[in-house]
Amino acid sequence: MLRGVLAGVIGALVLAFAGPAAAQQPSRDQTLAAMKTATRFMVETVAYKGGYVWSYTADLKRRWGELEAKPTMIWVQPPGTGTMGHLFLDAYHATGDEYYYQAAERAAEALIWGQHPSGGWHYMIDFGGEASLKDWYATYGQNAWRMEEFQHYWGNATFDDAGTSEAMQFLLRLYVEKRDPKWKPALDKAVNFVLESQYPMGGWPQRYPLKNEFSHHGKPDYTSFVTFNDDVAGENIKFLVMVYQALGDTRALDAVRRAMDSFIVTQQGQPQPAWGLQYTPGDLKPVGARTYEPTALTTHTTANNVSQLMNFYELTGDTKYLARVGEALDWLDKVKLKTPRPDGRTHPTYIEIGTDRPIYVHRRGSNVVNGEYYWDYSDQKTLAHYGAWRKIDVAKLRARYEALKTSDPAQVSKDSPLKAKGLVPLPKYFATRDLETSDLNIKAQKGTAVTADAAAKLVAGLNAQGYWPTPLVATSHPYAGATPPAKADKDYSTTHVGDETDTSPYPTDKPEMGISTGAYVQNMTTLIDYLDQAR
C-alpha cells in the first residue's frame, strides 16, 4: 500500500553533488563517517527543538515546508520531522550507533510537543504557540492562492498528506524498538485518534475533530467529507495493520475490516464503476473539495483504489474485494485519452458524472482576492499546479488482477499480518522503502542497486559545513504585508504562482543552493543500502 506522490510536487530533480567522484569505492569507515557528519549537521545545526521543515537557504534565514515557515515552526507533513525520525531509526538499524537513536528520540519529542489533544497532528507545529500559528495562517497561509487548505485555521488535526499517518507510524516504530514506556502515552493517543475519527461506514474525514466553518467560493467546508484523496484511508489501514502486528491490539481488526469495506461501498454503479476524491458523509455521493477539485469521478483515485482492493484480497483472502475490480479497469480503459499526452499521461484527471466526458479546471485572476477557479470541457490552458491528466498503467493493473483471480485465497493470504499468531516484527527500514519523499525540490528514486561510484560521490559530496548542497528549485514570494490587488496585472492562468502577493510555492529557473531534508533522507538511504550491499 504505497503512498502516492504528494499533491503539488513540482517535478523531479537530479541532485547535483559538490566535489568530484572518488577514484575508488569508499570503505565502510569512510561511509559511516560521511553519514555521521551529515547527520550531525542536521541534528545540531538545522533542527529546531528536534524538528525539521523541508528545505532551507544555506544561511538558514529562510525555510520552507509546503509553504514558507517561521523560524519557530517544524513540519509534520512528509518529508518533515516524522520522515527524519524514520531515517534515524533506519540508520540506527544499519550501524548500531546510539547517536541515531538519540536523534530519533529528539524528533519524537518534537512531534509529541505538537500532538493535538485529540491524538492527531496538523501539517506543522509552531513552538511559538497558538498565537504565532494563527498569525502564520493570517499572513503566509491566507495569501497562498492555490493552497486553500492553508487559508483557514481550523485548530484540529488532519489526515491530509500523510502527516498524521507518518508521525503515528514513527512513534510506533520508536516504541517497539526498545519498548520504552515513555513513548506509549502519545502512541495510545494516536491509536485512539484513528479509531475514534473513523465513520461507521469505515472511511475517515480529512480533519478531526469534525468542523464545518470554512465555506468559501460557494463551496461547503470539505474537511468532514469521507476522504480518499492522498490515500487517507489506505494510510490509516496501513497504520492499524502495523498496530495489530506489533502490539496485538485487536481493536484494530474491526476498524481495518470496516475501512477495507468502505472501498466497496463507495464504488459507483454501472455505467461508471469508479470513485471520486471525497464523499458526503450522509448519502455517500462523490463531491468536490478545494475549488479546483470539482464534483467528479477521478481516474487516479480509481486506479489507486483498485490497487488497494487487490491489496485487501492479499491481506484477507476474501474474494469480495476482487468482485468489481474488472469493472473499474474496463471503465479506466473506456475513458482513457485516444492518444497519450507527450509526457506519457494517459487519462484525464476528472470525468463528469453521468456522461464520462473529461472536464478540465482553469483559473483567472492573480491572487486570493481577485482569483477564481472554474471548469469546462476545454483542454486548453489548464492548471500548471494541479495535473489535468494522469499516467495510469491499466495493463499492469489488469495483469495483477487476472493473476489474483486464479489464485488460491488461502495461499495468497497465508503470510498476512492479519492472520498471524503472535506479534510480527516491523520492517527494518522505512524511510524511502514505502514512503515517498518530496520537498518540492526532489523526488524519491527507488529500486536500483547502489554502485560504488554513486556512494563515492555522496561521500565526497558533503561540503565544508557538512551537508549535501541541493538546488532549491522550489521557492516562494516572501510575505511582505502587501494588500493583494483587486485586479490581475497579467495572465496567470497557466503559472504555478500568481502575483507577488501570492505566497504559494513555485519552480524557479534560477535556484540557489541550499539544504534539503528530502535530499538528506535519500542520500542517507543510498549509503545505508551501500553498507548492506557491502555485507
Protein backbone atom coordinates (compact mmCIF):
# COMPACT_ATOMS: atom_id res chain seq x y z
CA MET A 1 0.00 0.00 0.00
CA LEU A 2 2.38 2.61 -1.28
CA ARG A 3 1.62 6.23 -0.76
CA GLY A 4 1.06 8.34 -3.87
CA VAL A 5 3.35 11.24 -4.56
CA LEU A 6 2.39 14.29 -2.54
CA ALA A 7 -0.04 16.67 -4.22
CA GLY A 8 1.66 19.71 -5.70
CA VAL A 9 5.04 18.12 -6.48
CA ILE A 10 6.73 20.44 -8.93
CA GLY A 11 8.95 17.84 -10.55
CA ALA A 12 11.91 15.55 -10.28
CA LEU A 13 15.43 16.86 -9.82
CA VAL A 14 18.73 15.14 -10.40
CA LEU A 15 20.75 16.04 -7.34
CA ALA A 16 23.98 17.86 -8.15
CA PHE A 17 26.70 16.89 -5.71
CA ALA A 18 29.63 19.07 -4.77
CA GLY A 19 33.04 17.55 -5.23
CA PRO A 20 34.50 15.04 -7.71
CA ALA A 21 33.81 11.33 -7.70
CA ALA A 22 36.24 9.30 -5.63
CA ALA A 23 38.72 7.15 -7.51
CA GLN A 24 37.74 4.00 -5.64
CA GLN A 25 34.81 2.73 -3.66
CA PRO A 26 34.58 4.19 -0.16
CA SER A 27 35.40 1.94 2.77
CA ARG A 28 32.85 1.15 5.48
CA ASP A 29 34.60 3.58 7.83
CA GLN A 30 34.52 6.36 5.21
CA THR A 31 30.83 5.73 4.57
CA LEU A 32 29.99 5.75 8.27
CA ALA A 33 31.97 8.95 8.77
CA ALA A 34 30.10 10.71 5.95
CA MET A 35 26.75 9.58 7.33
CA LYS A 36 27.66 10.83 10.80
CA THR A 37 28.91 14.18 9.51
CA ALA A 38 25.73 14.80 7.53
CA THR A 39 23.56 13.76 10.45
CA ARG A 40 25.38 15.89 12.99
CA PHE A 41 24.82 18.92 10.79
CA MET A 42 21.08 18.20 10.51
CA VAL A 43 20.65 17.40 14.22
CA GLU A 44 22.92 20.02 15.75
CA THR A 45 22.69 22.91 13.26
CA VAL A 46 19.48 22.63 11.23
CA ALA A 47 16.95 21.13 13.66
CA TYR A 48 14.73 23.34 15.77
CA LYS A 49 13.87 21.69 19.10
CA GLY A 50 14.38 18.32 17.43
CA GLY A 51 12.16 19.02 14.41
CA TYR A 52 12.63 19.87 10.73
CA VAL A 53 10.96 21.57 7.81
CA TRP A 54 11.58 20.60 4.15
CA SER A 55 14.25 22.98 2.88
CA TYR A 56 16.45 25.85 4.00
CA THR A 57 18.58 28.52 2.41
CA ALA A 58 22.27 27.99 3.06
CA ASP A 59 22.32 30.78 5.66
CA LEU A 60 19.19 29.31 7.34
CA LYS A 61 17.42 32.68 7.08
CA ARG A 62 14.51 31.28 5.05
CA ARG A 63 12.92 27.87 5.37
CA TRP A 64 10.01 26.04 3.82
CA GLY A 65 7.62 23.22 4.42
CA GLU A 66 4.94 23.18 1.75
CA LEU A 67 4.83 26.95 2.37
CA GLU A 68 7.44 29.26 3.86
CA ALA A 69 7.77 28.61 7.58
CA LYS A 70 8.54 30.78 10.57
CA PRO A 71 11.83 30.10 12.40
CA THR A 72 9.80 28.63 15.29
CA MET A 73 8.00 26.11 13.06
CA ILE A 74 8.66 22.49 12.12
CA TRP A 75 6.81 20.39 9.57
CA VAL A 76 4.89 17.16 10.22
CA GLN A 77 3.82 16.61 6.61
CA PRO A 78 6.43 14.41 4.82
CA PRO A 79 9.32 14.78 4.31
CA GLY A 80 9.40 16.55 7.63
CA THR A 81 10.03 15.55 11.21
CA GLY A 82 8.44 12.10 11.05
CA THR A 83 10.40 11.22 7.92
CA MET A 84 13.60 12.26 9.64
CA GLY A 85 12.67 10.13 12.64
CA HIS A 86 12.18 7.14 10.37
CA LEU A 87 15.56 7.77 8.75
CA PHE A 88 17.32 7.99 12.11
CA LEU A 89 15.86 4.62 13.11
CA ASP A 90 16.91 3.19 9.75
CA ALA A 91 20.45 4.45 10.31
CA TYR A 92 20.42 3.04 13.83
CA HIS A 93 19.47 -0.36 12.45
CA ALA A 94 22.18 -0.16 9.79
CA THR A 95 25.00 1.00 12.08
CA GLY A 96 24.11 0.23 15.70
CA ASP A 97 25.22 3.77 16.55
CA GLU A 98 23.19 5.12 19.50
CA TYR A 99 23.60 8.67 18.18
CA TYR A 100 20.93 7.91 15.57
CA TYR A 101 18.55 6.51 18.15
CA GLN A 102 19.01 9.65 20.25
CA ALA A 103 18.29 11.79 17.17
CA ALA A 104 15.09 9.80 16.64
CA GLU A 105 14.12 10.47 20.25
CA ARG A 106 14.55 14.22 19.72
CA ALA A 107 12.32 14.09 16.66
CA ALA A 108 9.70 12.15 18.64
CA GLU A 109 9.79 14.69 21.46
CA ALA A 110 9.17 17.48 18.96
CA LEU A 111 6.21 15.65 17.46
CA ILE A 112 4.72 14.87 20.86
CA TRP A 113 5.01 18.51 21.89
CA GLY A 114 2.80 19.42 18.94
CA GLN A 115 0.39 16.47 19.10
CA HIS A 116 -3.21 17.69 19.10
CA PRO A 117 -5.18 16.80 22.27
CA SER A 118 -7.33 14.52 20.09
CA GLY A 119 -4.23 12.46 19.24
CA GLY A 120 -3.51 13.53 15.65
CA TRP A 121 -1.33 16.21 14.09
CA HIS A 122 -1.62 19.28 11.95
CA TYR A 123 0.57 19.95 8.88
CA MET A 124 3.07 21.78 11.04
CA ILE A 125 3.96 22.61 14.64
CA ASP A 126 4.76 26.12 15.86
CA PHE A 127 6.79 26.26 19.06
CA GLY A 128 5.89 29.94 19.19
CA GLY A 129 2.46 28.87 20.38
CA GLU A 130 -1.07 29.11 19.03
CA ALA A 131 -0.97 32.90 18.62
CA SER A 132 2.10 32.59 16.42
CA LEU A 133 0.47 29.83 14.36
CA LYS A 134 -2.70 31.87 13.88
CA ASP A 135 -0.55 34.78 12.73
CA TRP A 136 1.11 32.50 10.16
CA TYR A 137 -2.33 31.50 8.87
CA ALA A 138 -3.38 35.14 8.61
CA THR A 139 -0.29 36.00 6.56
CA TYR A 140 1.54 33.22 4.70
CA GLY A 141 -1.40 30.82 4.65
CA GLN A 142 -4.20 33.23 3.85
CA ASN A 143 -2.31 34.67 0.87
CA ALA A 144 -1.35 31.34 -0.75
CA TRP A 145 -3.78 31.47 -3.69
CA ARG A 146 -3.75 27.81 -4.69
CA MET A 147 -3.07 26.39 -1.20
CA GLU A 148 -6.65 26.53 0.04
CA GLU A 149 -6.03 24.03 2.82
CA PHE A 150 -3.78 26.67 4.44
CA GLN A 151 -6.15 29.62 4.08
CA HIS A 152 -8.07 28.88 7.28
CA TYR A 153 -7.01 27.86 10.79
CA TRP A 154 -9.28 25.04 11.97
CA GLY A 155 -7.34 24.21 15.12
CA ASN A 156 -7.81 20.46 14.77
CA ALA A 157 -5.75 17.61 13.26
CA THR A 158 -5.57 16.41 9.67
CA PHE A 159 -5.15 13.13 7.81
CA ASP A 160 -4.18 15.02 4.65
CA ASP A 161 -0.80 14.38 3.01
CA ALA A 162 0.08 11.55 5.42
CA GLY A 163 1.49 13.78 8.16
CA THR A 164 -0.53 12.22 10.96
CA SER A 165 -0.02 8.79 9.44
CA GLU A 166 3.75 9.10 9.27
CA ALA A 167 4.02 10.57 12.77
CA MET A 168 1.96 7.68 14.16
CA GLN A 169 4.00 5.06 12.32
CA PHE A 170 7.23 6.61 13.56
CA LEU A 171 6.08 6.67 17.20
CA LEU A 172 5.00 3.04 16.87
CA ARG A 173 8.41 2.08 15.50
CA LEU A 174 10.20 4.01 18.23
CA TYR A 175 8.15 2.38 20.97
CA VAL A 176 8.63 -1.20 19.76
CA GLU A 177 12.35 -0.61 19.24
CA LYS A 178 13.13 -0.78 22.98
CA ARG A 179 9.63 -0.87 24.49
CA ASP A 180 10.47 2.35 26.34
CA PRO A 181 7.24 3.22 28.19
CA LYS A 182 7.75 6.96 27.84
CA TRP A 183 6.54 6.79 24.23
CA LYS A 184 3.41 4.77 25.00
CA PRO A 185 1.00 7.57 26.09
CA ALA A 186 1.44 9.53 22.85
CA LEU A 187 1.19 6.33 20.81
CA ASP A 188 -2.01 5.35 22.62
CA LYS A 189 -3.49 8.77 21.90
CA ALA A 190 -2.66 8.35 18.21
CA VAL A 191 -4.25 4.90 18.01
CA ASN A 192 -7.38 6.18 19.73
CA PHE A 193 -7.46 9.14 17.34
CA VAL A 194 -7.67 6.84 14.32
CA LEU A 195 -10.30 4.62 15.93
CA GLU A 196 -12.47 7.47 17.20
CA SER A 197 -12.41 9.50 13.99
CA GLN A 198 -13.50 6.60 11.76
CA TYR A 199 -17.02 6.85 10.38
CA PRO A 200 -19.36 3.86 10.96
CA MET A 201 -19.17 3.09 7.21
CA GLY A 202 -15.41 2.66 7.55
CA GLY A 203 -13.95 5.80 5.99
CA TRP A 204 -12.34 8.84 7.58
CA PRO A 205 -12.80 12.61 7.29
CA GLN A 206 -9.92 14.75 6.16
CA ARG A 207 -9.80 16.57 9.52
CA TYR A 208 -10.87 15.65 13.04
CA PRO A 209 -12.48 16.60 15.41
CA LEU A 210 -15.13 17.50 12.84
CA LYS A 211 -15.52 21.12 11.78
CA ASN A 212 -17.91 22.93 9.44
CA GLU A 213 -16.73 26.52 9.46
CA PHE A 214 -14.81 27.32 6.27
CA SER A 215 -17.22 27.72 3.38
CA HIS A 216 -15.72 29.75 0.56
CA HIS A 217 -16.23 30.40 -3.15
CA GLY A 218 -19.72 28.98 -2.77
CA LYS A 219 -18.45 25.56 -1.66
CA PRO A 220 -19.05 23.96 1.74
CA ASP A 221 -16.34 23.12 4.24
CA TYR A 222 -14.98 19.86 2.82
CA THR A 223 -12.98 18.67 5.81
CA SER A 224 -15.71 16.38 7.17
CA PHE A 225 -16.15 14.54 3.85
CA VAL A 226 -15.19 10.88 3.62
CA THR A 227 -11.78 11.21 2.01
CA PHE A 228 -9.80 9.04 -0.40
CA ASN A 229 -7.63 11.91 -1.67
CA ASP A 230 -3.93 11.36 -0.88
CA ASP A 231 -4.81 7.81 0.19
CA VAL A 232 -6.19 8.84 3.58
CA ALA A 233 -7.99 5.52 4.07
CA GLY A 234 -5.07 3.46 2.80
CA GLU A 235 -2.61 5.17 5.14
CA ASN A 236 -4.86 4.62 8.16
CA ILE A 237 -5.36 0.97 7.22
CA LYS A 238 -1.60 0.57 6.96
CA PHE A 239 -1.09 2.06 10.42
CA LEU A 240 -3.79 -0.08 12.01
CA VAL A 241 -2.31 -3.23 10.47
CA MET A 242 1.04 -2.22 12.00
CA VAL A 243 -0.69 -1.67 15.36
CA TYR A 244 -2.14 -5.15 15.25
CA GLN A 245 1.04 -6.87 14.15
CA ALA A 246 3.38 -5.00 16.52
CA LEU A 247 1.15 -4.53 19.57
CA GLY A 248 -1.51 -7.20 19.19
CA ASP A 249 -4.25 -4.60 19.69
CA THR A 250 -7.35 -6.46 18.47
CA ARG A 251 -9.37 -3.23 18.26
CA ALA A 252 -7.55 -2.62 15.01
CA LEU A 253 -9.06 -5.67 13.31
CA ASP A 254 -12.65 -4.42 13.18
CA ALA A 255 -11.51 -0.95 12.13
CA VAL A 256 -9.40 -2.40 9.31
CA ARG A 257 -12.25 -4.57 8.05
CA ARG A 258 -14.71 -1.66 8.02
CA ALA A 259 -12.14 0.55 6.31
CA MET A 260 -11.48 -2.01 3.59
CA ASP A 261 -15.23 -2.43 3.06
CA SER A 262 -15.60 1.33 2.59
CA PHE A 263 -13.83 0.95 -0.75
CA ILE A 264 -16.57 -1.46 -1.85
CA VAL A 265 -19.40 0.72 -0.55
CA THR A 266 -18.21 3.87 -2.32
CA GLN A 267 -17.52 2.36 -5.74
CA GLN A 268 -20.17 3.72 -8.07
CA GLY A 269 -22.57 1.50 -10.01
CA GLN A 270 -22.65 0.94 -13.74
CA PRO A 271 -22.06 2.54 -16.14
CA GLN A 272 -19.42 4.43 -14.09
CA PRO A 273 -17.96 1.94 -11.57
CA ALA A 274 -15.32 4.39 -10.35
CA TRP A 275 -14.50 6.58 -7.34
CA GLY A 276 -14.26 10.26 -6.51
CA LEU A 277 -11.80 12.08 -4.25
CA GLN A 278 -14.33 12.63 -1.45
CA TYR A 279 -17.87 11.61 -0.48
CA THR A 280 -20.62 13.30 1.51
CA PRO A 281 -20.86 11.51 4.88
CA GLY A 282 -24.64 11.11 4.81
CA ASP A 283 -25.54 9.75 1.38
CA LEU A 284 -22.01 8.81 0.21
CA LYS A 285 -22.13 10.72 -3.06
CA PRO A 286 -18.94 11.94 -4.78
CA VAL A 287 -18.25 15.58 -4.01
CA GLY A 288 -15.57 18.15 -4.73
CA ALA A 289 -13.35 19.81 -2.13
CA ARG A 290 -10.96 22.62 -2.98
CA THR A 291 -12.23 24.96 -5.69
CA TYR A 292 -10.01 23.28 -8.29
CA GLU A 293 -11.39 19.85 -7.32
CA PRO A 294 -14.88 19.73 -8.88
CA THR A 295 -17.53 17.15 -8.10
CA ALA A 296 -16.46 14.39 -10.48
CA LEU A 297 -15.05 10.90 -10.76
CA THR A 298 -11.26 10.77 -10.74
CA THR A 299 -9.13 8.36 -12.71
CA HIS A 300 -6.08 8.36 -10.43
CA THR A 301 -8.22 7.74 -7.34
CA THR A 302 -9.94 4.89 -9.16
CA ALA A 303 -6.60 3.33 -10.11
CA ASN A 304 -5.31 3.66 -6.54
CA ASN A 305 -8.47 2.17 -5.06
CA VAL A 306 -8.27 -0.75 -7.48
CA SER A 307 -4.73 -1.39 -6.25
CA GLN A 308 -5.90 -1.19 -2.67
CA LEU A 309 -8.71 -3.69 -3.26
CA MET A 310 -6.15 -6.14 -4.60
CA ASN A 311 -4.02 -5.45 -1.52
CA PHE A 312 -7.03 -6.21 0.67
CA TYR A 313 -7.57 -9.53 -1.08
CA GLU A 314 -3.94 -10.44 -0.36
CA LEU A 315 -4.39 -9.42 3.29
CA THR A 316 -7.61 -11.35 3.83
CA GLY A 317 -8.11 -13.94 1.09
CA ASP A 318 -11.66 -12.60 0.74
CA THR A 319 -12.72 -12.59 -2.92
CA LYS A 320 -15.32 -9.86 -2.35
CA TYR A 321 -12.51 -7.34 -2.74
CA LEU A 322 -11.90 -8.54 -6.31
CA ALA A 323 -15.58 -8.75 -7.28
CA ARG A 324 -15.82 -5.42 -9.13
CA VAL A 325 -12.17 -4.68 -9.89
CA GLY A 326 -12.67 -5.76 -13.50
CA GLU A 327 -15.48 -3.25 -13.93
CA ALA A 328 -13.29 -0.40 -12.74
CA LEU A 329 -10.47 -1.43 -15.06
CA ASP A 330 -12.87 -1.57 -18.01
CA TRP A 331 -14.06 1.94 -17.13
CA LEU A 332 -10.48 3.22 -17.00
CA ASP A 333 -9.93 1.80 -20.47
CA LYS A 334 -13.15 3.44 -21.68
CA VAL A 335 -12.26 6.96 -20.51
CA LYS A 336 -8.58 7.00 -21.47
CA LEU A 337 -7.27 9.52 -23.99
CA LYS A 338 -7.31 8.44 -27.61
CA THR A 339 -3.64 9.38 -27.79
CA PRO A 340 -1.38 9.73 -24.71
CA ARG A 341 -0.01 13.16 -23.94
CA PRO A 342 3.58 13.95 -24.97
CA ASP A 343 4.67 13.30 -21.37
CA GLY A 344 3.03 9.86 -21.41
CA ARG A 345 -0.08 10.72 -19.42
CA THR A 346 -2.94 8.51 -20.46
CA HIS A 347 -6.11 9.67 -18.68
CA PRO A 348 -7.93 12.92 -17.89
CA THR A 349 -7.93 13.56 -14.15
CA TYR A 350 -11.63 14.41 -13.88
CA ILE A 351 -14.57 12.65 -15.53
CA GLU A 352 -18.05 14.14 -15.45
CA ILE A 353 -20.61 12.12 -13.52
CA GLY A 354 -23.32 10.78 -15.83
CA THR A 355 -21.57 11.46 -19.17
CA ASP A 356 -17.95 10.18 -18.96
CA ARG A 357 -16.83 13.46 -20.56
CA PRO A 358 -13.44 14.78 -19.42
CA ILE A 359 -13.69 18.07 -17.55
CA TYR A 360 -10.82 20.49 -17.11
CA VAL A 361 -10.11 23.10 -14.46
CA HIS A 362 -8.84 26.61 -15.21
CA ARG A 363 -8.22 29.82 -13.33
CA ARG A 364 -8.37 33.56 -13.83
CA GLY A 365 -7.09 36.43 -11.74
CA SER A 366 -3.83 36.69 -9.84
CA ASN A 367 -4.32 36.21 -6.08
CA VAL A 368 -6.68 35.27 -3.26
CA VAL A 369 -8.70 38.47 -3.69
CA ASN A 370 -9.35 38.50 -7.43
CA GLY A 371 -8.56 34.89 -8.32
CA GLU A 372 -11.12 32.26 -9.29
CA TYR A 373 -11.08 28.60 -10.37
CA TYR A 374 -13.66 27.17 -12.79
CA TRP A 375 -14.12 24.14 -15.03
CA ASP A 376 -15.35 23.38 -18.53
CA TYR A 377 -14.69 20.85 -21.31
CA SER A 378 -11.72 22.61 -22.93
CA ASP A 379 -8.30 21.01 -22.54
CA GLN A 380 -6.53 24.29 -23.33
CA LYS A 381 -4.79 26.47 -20.72
CA THR A 382 -5.20 24.01 -17.87
CA LEU A 383 -3.66 24.47 -14.42
CA ALA A 384 0.10 24.16 -14.03
CA HIS A 385 -0.05 23.31 -10.33
CA TYR A 386 -2.63 20.51 -10.48
CA GLY A 387 -2.42 17.87 -13.18
CA ALA A 388 -5.22 17.79 -15.75
CA TRP A 389 -4.05 14.34 -16.86
CA ARG A 390 -2.63 11.23 -15.17
CA LYS A 391 -0.39 8.37 -16.25
CA ILE A 392 -2.15 5.11 -15.39
CA ASP A 393 -0.85 1.69 -16.41
CA VAL A 394 -4.15 -0.15 -16.74
CA ALA A 395 -2.49 -3.13 -18.42
CA LYS A 396 -0.25 -3.67 -15.39
CA LEU A 397 -3.21 -3.40 -13.03
CA ARG A 398 -5.17 -5.85 -15.17
CA ALA A 399 -2.31 -8.35 -15.26
CA ARG A 400 -2.18 -8.35 -11.47
CA TYR A 401 -5.96 -8.69 -11.29
CA GLU A 402 -6.02 -11.65 -13.69
CA ALA A 403 -3.31 -13.39 -11.68
CA LEU A 404 -5.15 -12.85 -8.40
CA LYS A 405 -8.45 -14.07 -9.87
CA THR A 406 -6.96 -17.52 -10.45
CA SER A 407 -5.01 -17.65 -7.19
CA ASP A 408 -5.74 -19.72 -4.10
CA PRO A 409 -7.10 -17.25 -1.49
CA ALA A 410 -5.60 -19.21 1.39
CA GLN A 411 -2.19 -19.31 -0.26
CA VAL A 412 -2.24 -15.64 -1.22
CA SER A 413 -3.03 -14.52 2.34
CA LYS A 414 -1.03 -17.10 4.30
CA ASP A 415 1.65 -14.57 5.31
CA SER A 416 -0.78 -11.74 6.05
CA PRO A 417 -0.11 -9.95 9.35
CA LEU A 418 -3.88 -10.05 9.91
CA LYS A 419 -3.68 -13.85 10.13
CA ALA A 420 -0.50 -14.08 12.17
CA LYS A 421 -0.50 -15.83 15.53
CA GLY A 422 1.54 -13.63 17.80
CA LEU A 423 3.35 -10.38 17.18
CA VAL A 424 5.04 -9.71 13.84
CA PRO A 425 8.25 -7.62 13.65
CA LEU A 426 8.02 -4.35 11.75
CA PRO A 427 10.31 -3.86 8.72
CA LYS A 428 13.92 -2.97 9.40
CA TYR A 429 13.84 0.09 7.15
CA PHE A 430 11.14 2.64 6.36
CA ALA A 431 12.45 5.98 5.19
CA THR A 432 12.25 5.61 1.41
CA ARG A 433 11.21 1.98 1.15
CA ASP A 434 7.49 2.69 1.27
CA LEU A 435 7.40 6.42 1.92
CA GLU A 436 7.52 8.86 -0.96
CA THR A 437 9.54 11.92 0.00
CA SER A 438 9.41 15.20 -1.85
CA ASP A 439 10.22 18.67 -0.60
CA LEU A 440 9.16 20.18 -3.95
CA ASN A 441 12.85 20.10 -4.87
CA ILE A 442 13.43 16.37 -5.29
CA LYS A 443 11.52 13.16 -5.91
CA ALA A 444 12.32 9.76 -4.49
CA GLN A 445 14.16 7.33 -6.74
CA LYS A 446 13.92 3.72 -5.67
CA GLY A 447 14.57 0.20 -6.81
CA THR A 448 18.14 0.42 -8.14
CA ALA A 449 21.32 -1.08 -6.75
CA VAL A 450 23.86 1.36 -5.35
CA THR A 451 27.08 1.49 -7.33
CA ALA A 452 30.43 2.16 -5.71
CA ASP A 453 30.69 5.30 -7.84
CA ALA A 454 27.35 6.62 -6.54
CA ALA A 455 28.42 6.00 -2.95
CA ALA A 456 31.78 7.64 -3.60
CA LYS A 457 30.09 10.75 -4.99
CA LEU A 458 27.96 11.02 -1.87
CA VAL A 459 30.91 10.58 0.47
CA ALA A 460 32.88 13.21 -1.45
CA GLY A 461 29.87 15.46 -1.97
CA LEU A 462 29.49 16.82 1.55
CA ASN A 463 30.58 20.44 1.73
CA ALA A 464 32.73 22.04 4.41
CA GLN A 465 29.68 22.69 6.60
CA GLY A 466 28.73 19.02 6.48
CA TYR A 467 25.66 18.86 4.19
CA TRP A 468 24.84 17.98 0.60
CA PRO A 469 24.17 21.26 -1.27
CA THR A 470 20.91 20.97 -3.23
CA PRO A 471 19.46 23.36 -5.83
CA LEU A 472 16.28 24.77 -4.32
CA VAL A 473 14.15 24.75 -7.45
CA ALA A 474 11.07 25.47 -5.34
CA THR A 475 10.77 28.93 -3.84
CA SER A 476 8.07 31.45 -2.92
CA HIS A 477 7.42 35.15 -2.68
CA PRO A 478 8.15 36.40 0.84
CA TYR A 479 5.14 37.68 2.73
CA ALA A 480 5.54 41.42 2.80
CA GLY A 481 2.24 42.52 4.31
CA ALA A 482 1.06 43.83 0.96
CA THR A 483 -2.68 44.05 0.28
CA PRO A 484 -3.46 41.84 -2.73
CA PRO A 485 -4.64 43.93 -5.70
CA ALA A 486 -8.27 43.67 -6.75
CA LYS A 487 -7.39 43.29 -10.44
CA ALA A 488 -4.93 40.97 -12.14
CA ASP A 489 -1.96 42.64 -13.75
CA LYS A 490 -1.38 39.86 -16.31
CA ASP A 491 -2.42 36.33 -17.26
CA TYR A 492 -1.60 33.78 -14.54
CA SER A 493 -3.87 31.02 -15.84
CA THR A 494 -1.06 28.55 -16.50
CA THR A 495 1.53 29.61 -13.92
CA HIS A 496 2.33 27.94 -10.61
CA VAL A 497 2.11 31.23 -8.74
CA GLY A 498 0.17 34.45 -9.09
CA ASP A 499 1.35 38.00 -8.49
CA GLU A 500 3.93 38.98 -5.88
CA THR A 501 1.38 38.81 -3.05
CA ASP A 502 0.80 35.08 -3.71
CA THR A 503 2.82 33.09 -1.15
CA SER A 504 2.29 29.73 -2.93
CA PRO A 505 5.50 27.83 -3.82
CA TYR A 506 6.62 27.82 -7.44
CA PRO A 507 9.54 26.48 -9.52
CA THR A 508 12.31 28.91 -10.32
CA ASP A 509 14.77 28.71 -13.20
CA LYS A 510 17.42 30.36 -11.00
CA PRO A 511 17.63 28.10 -7.96
CA GLU A 512 20.02 28.88 -5.16
CA MET A 513 21.92 26.12 -3.44
CA GLY A 514 20.55 25.18 -0.05
CA ILE A 515 19.70 22.39 2.39
CA SER A 516 17.04 19.79 1.64
CA THR A 517 15.60 17.41 4.22
CA GLY A 518 14.40 15.14 1.43
CA ALA A 519 17.87 15.06 -0.17
CA TYR A 520 19.42 14.17 3.18
CA VAL A 521 16.94 11.30 3.66
CA GLN A 522 17.51 9.92 0.18
CA ASN A 523 21.29 10.23 0.32
CA MET A 524 21.43 8.57 3.71
CA THR A 525 19.20 5.79 2.42
CA THR A 526 21.56 5.27 -0.50
CA LEU A 527 24.52 4.96 1.87
CA ILE A 528 22.57 2.59 4.12
CA ASP A 529 21.85 0.43 1.07
CA TYR A 530 25.51 0.60 0.12
CA LEU A 531 26.54 -0.64 3.57
CA ASP A 532 24.07 -3.50 3.33
CA GLN A 533 25.26 -4.48 -0.14
CA ALA A 534 28.86 -4.48 1.08
CA ARG A 535 27.90 -7.03 3.70
